[in-house]
Amino acid sequence: MSLKLQPRERQVLDLLSTGSAMKQIADKLGVGISACSNYILRARERNGLKTGWQLLARYVREQSLAEYMKGRS
């Protein structure tokens, strides 16, 4: 089952997965840190996950699998 993400949530997770800090992400996207936290919170709740770390881990796993499958076709 694939994560259900809005485009902005995906942007935040992309940047988090590369090691960016919340302040850096907020600056890059032109929003506040609280907005970034809210994107993560909403994505986490929508996908039935308990923590932001679970969301990030699942996101990274899905991205890795997608890259692997792309390389096999």
N, C-alpha and C. Protein backbone atom coordinates (compact mmCIF):
# COMPACT_ATOMS: atom_id res chain seq x y z
N MET A 1 0.84 -1.18 0.00
CA MET A 1 0.00 0.00 0.00
C MET A 1 0.89 1.24 0.00
N SER A 2 0.65 2.09 -0.94
CA SER A 2 1.45 3.29 -1.13
C SER A 2 0.97 4.43 -0.22
N LEU A 3 1.90 5.26 0.20
CA LEU A 3 1.56 6.41 1.03
C LEU A 3 0.67 7.37 0.25
N LYS A 4 -0.30 7.95 0.93
CA LYS A 4 -1.16 8.97 0.33
C LYS A 4 -0.58 10.32 0.76
N LEU A 5 -0.01 11.06 -0.19
CA LEU A 5 0.66 12.32 0.12
C LEU A 5 0.21 13.43 -0.81
N GLN A 6 0.07 14.61 -0.25
CA GLN A 6 -0.16 15.82 -1.03
C GLN A 6 1.20 16.28 -1.58
N PRO A 7 1.21 17.06 -2.66
CA PRO A 7 2.48 17.49 -3.24
C PRO A 7 3.43 18.18 -2.25
N ARG A 8 2.91 19.06 -1.40
CA ARG A 8 3.78 19.76 -0.45
C ARG A 8 4.33 18.81 0.60
N GLU A 9 3.53 17.84 1.02
CA GLU A 9 4.00 16.84 1.98
C GLU A 9 5.15 16.04 1.37
N ARG A 10 5.00 15.72 0.10
CA ARG A 10 6.06 14.98 -0.61
C ARG A 10 7.34 15.81 -0.69
N GLN A 11 7.20 17.12 -0.94
CA GLN A 11 8.37 17.99 -0.99
C GLN A 11 9.11 17.99 0.35
N VAL A 12 8.35 18.12 1.44
CA VAL A 12 8.96 18.13 2.76
C VAL A 12 9.67 16.80 3.02
N LEU A 13 9.03 15.70 2.70
CA LEU A 13 9.64 14.39 2.93
C LEU A 13 10.87 14.18 2.04
N ASP A 14 10.82 14.67 0.81
CA ASP A 14 12.00 14.58 -0.06
C ASP A 14 13.20 15.27 0.59
N LEU A 15 12.96 16.48 1.09
CA LEU A 15 14.05 17.23 1.70
C LEU A 15 14.51 16.61 3.02
N LEU A 16 13.57 16.12 3.81
CA LEU A 16 13.94 15.43 5.06
C LEU A 16 14.79 14.19 4.77
N SER A 17 14.41 13.47 3.72
CA SER A 17 15.11 12.22 3.42
C SER A 17 16.54 12.45 2.95
N THR A 18 16.85 13.68 2.54
CA THR A 18 18.23 13.98 2.14
C THR A 18 19.02 14.61 3.27
N GLY A 19 18.40 14.72 4.45
CA GLY A 19 19.11 15.20 5.62
C GLY A 19 18.93 16.68 5.94
N SER A 20 18.04 17.34 5.22
CA SER A 20 17.78 18.76 5.51
C SER A 20 17.08 18.92 6.85
N ALA A 21 17.41 19.98 7.56
CA ALA A 21 16.76 20.30 8.83
C ALA A 21 15.45 21.04 8.53
N MET A 22 14.54 21.03 9.50
CA MET A 22 13.24 21.67 9.31
C MET A 22 13.40 23.16 8.96
N LYS A 23 14.34 23.86 9.57
CA LYS A 23 14.57 25.27 9.28
C LYS A 23 14.99 25.44 7.82
N GLN A 24 15.87 24.58 7.34
CA GLN A 24 16.31 24.65 5.95
C GLN A 24 15.15 24.38 5.00
N ILE A 25 14.32 23.40 5.34
CA ILE A 25 13.18 23.05 4.51
C ILE A 25 12.20 24.23 4.45
N ALA A 26 11.91 24.79 5.63
CA ALA A 26 10.99 25.92 5.69
C ALA A 26 11.49 27.08 4.85
N ASP A 27 12.77 27.39 4.96
CA ASP A 27 13.36 28.48 4.18
C ASP A 27 13.27 28.20 2.68
N LYS A 28 13.60 26.98 2.30
CA LYS A 28 13.59 26.61 0.88
C LYS A 28 12.18 26.69 0.29
N LEU A 29 11.18 26.27 1.08
CA LEU A 29 9.81 26.26 0.58
C LEU A 29 9.08 27.58 0.82
N GLY A 30 9.70 28.48 1.55
CA GLY A 30 9.10 29.78 1.81
C GLY A 30 7.92 29.73 2.78
N VAL A 31 8.01 28.81 3.74
CA VAL A 31 6.96 28.67 4.76
C VAL A 31 7.63 28.65 6.14
N GLY A 32 6.81 28.64 7.18
CA GLY A 32 7.35 28.55 8.52
C GLY A 32 7.64 27.11 8.93
N ILE A 33 8.42 26.98 9.98
CA ILE A 33 8.72 25.65 10.50
C ILE A 33 7.44 24.94 10.95
N SER A 34 6.52 25.70 11.52
CA SER A 34 5.26 25.09 11.98
C SER A 34 4.46 24.54 10.80
N ALA A 35 4.52 25.20 9.65
CA ALA A 35 3.83 24.69 8.46
C ALA A 35 4.43 23.35 8.05
N CYS A 36 5.75 23.26 8.07
CA CYS A 36 6.41 21.99 7.73
C CYS A 36 5.99 20.88 8.70
N SER A 37 5.95 21.22 9.97
CA SER A 37 5.51 20.24 10.98
C SER A 37 4.08 19.80 10.72
N ASN A 38 3.24 20.75 10.32
CA ASN A 38 1.84 20.41 10.02
C ASN A 38 1.71 19.51 8.80
N TYR A 39 2.54 19.73 7.79
CA TYR A 39 2.52 18.84 6.62
C TYR A 39 2.83 17.41 7.04
N ILE A 40 3.82 17.26 7.90
CA ILE A 40 4.20 15.93 8.37
C ILE A 40 3.09 15.33 9.22
N LEU A 41 2.53 16.13 10.11
CA LEU A 41 1.44 15.66 10.97
C LEU A 41 0.26 15.17 10.15
N ARG A 42 -0.18 15.96 9.18
CA ARG A 42 -1.34 15.56 8.37
C ARG A 42 -1.05 14.31 7.56
N ALA A 43 0.14 14.22 6.98
CA ALA A 43 0.50 13.04 6.20
C ALA A 43 0.56 11.80 7.09
N ARG A 44 1.12 11.98 8.28
CA ARG A 44 1.21 10.87 9.23
C ARG A 44 -0.18 10.38 9.61
N GLU A 45 -1.05 11.30 9.97
CA GLU A 45 -2.40 10.92 10.39
C GLU A 45 -3.18 10.28 9.24
N ARG A 46 -3.08 10.85 8.05
CA ARG A 46 -3.80 10.31 6.89
C ARG A 46 -3.37 8.88 6.58
N ASN A 47 -2.13 8.56 6.87
CA ASN A 47 -1.61 7.23 6.56
C ASN A 47 -1.60 6.29 7.75
N GLY A 48 -2.19 6.72 8.86
CA GLY A 48 -2.32 5.86 10.03
C GLY A 48 -1.01 5.52 10.73
N LEU A 49 -0.07 6.44 10.70
CA LEU A 49 1.23 6.21 11.34
C LEU A 49 1.31 7.00 12.64
N LYS A 50 2.06 6.47 13.60
CA LYS A 50 2.11 7.09 14.92
C LYS A 50 3.14 8.19 15.04
N THR A 51 4.22 8.11 14.30
CA THR A 51 5.28 9.11 14.44
C THR A 51 5.75 9.61 13.07
N GLY A 52 6.36 10.77 13.10
CA GLY A 52 6.96 11.30 11.88
C GLY A 52 8.10 10.42 11.38
N TRP A 53 8.79 9.79 12.31
CA TRP A 53 9.89 8.88 11.93
C TRP A 53 9.36 7.69 11.15
N GLN A 54 8.20 7.17 11.55
CA GLN A 54 7.59 6.06 10.81
C GLN A 54 7.24 6.51 9.40
N LEU A 55 6.70 7.71 9.28
CA LEU A 55 6.34 8.26 7.98
C LEU A 55 7.58 8.40 7.10
N LEU A 56 8.63 8.97 7.65
CA LEU A 56 9.86 9.17 6.89
C LEU A 56 10.47 7.84 6.47
N ALA A 57 10.50 6.88 7.38
CA ALA A 57 11.07 5.56 7.06
C ALA A 57 10.28 4.89 5.94
N ARG A 58 8.97 4.97 6.01
CA ARG A 58 8.15 4.35 4.98
C ARG A 58 8.33 5.07 3.64
N TYR A 59 8.42 6.38 3.69
CA TYR A 59 8.63 7.16 2.48
C TYR A 59 9.96 6.77 1.81
N VAL A 60 11.02 6.71 2.59
CA VAL A 60 12.33 6.35 2.05
C VAL A 60 12.31 4.94 1.47
N ARG A 61 11.65 4.03 2.17
CA ARG A 61 11.54 2.65 1.68
C ARG A 61 10.81 2.60 0.34
N GLU A 62 9.70 3.33 0.24
CA GLU A 62 8.94 3.35 -1.01
C GLU A 62 9.74 3.97 -2.15
N GLN A 63 10.48 5.03 -1.85
CA GLN A 63 11.30 5.67 -2.87
C GLN A 63 12.41 4.73 -3.35
N SER A 64 13.01 4.01 -2.42
CA SER A 64 14.07 3.07 -2.77
C SER A 64 13.52 1.94 -3.63
N LEU A 65 12.36 1.44 -3.28
CA LEU A 65 11.74 0.37 -4.07
C LEU A 65 11.39 0.86 -5.46
N ALA A 66 10.88 2.08 -5.57
CA ALA A 66 10.52 2.65 -6.86
C ALA A 66 11.77 2.77 -7.75
N GLU A 67 12.87 3.23 -7.17
CA GLU A 67 14.12 3.35 -7.92
C GLU A 67 14.63 1.98 -8.35
N TYR A 68 14.53 1.01 -7.48
CA TYR A 68 14.97 -0.35 -7.80
C TYR A 68 14.15 -0.91 -8.95
N MET A 69 12.83 -0.73 -8.88
CA MET A 69 11.96 -1.28 -9.92
C MET A 69 12.19 -0.55 -11.25
N LYS A 70 12.48 0.73 -11.20
CA LYS A 70 12.74 1.49 -12.42
C LYS A 70 14.00 0.95 -13.10
N GLY A 71 14.98 0.60 -12.30
CA GLY A 71 16.23 0.07 -12.85
C GLY A 71 16.10 -1.32 -13.45
N ARG A 72 15.08 -2.04 -13.06
CA ARG A 72 14.89 -3.41 -13.54
C ARG A 72 14.05 -3.47 -14.82
N SER A 73 13.45 -2.37 -15.19
CA SER A 73 12.60 -2.42 -16.40
C SER A 73 13.33 -1.98 -17.64
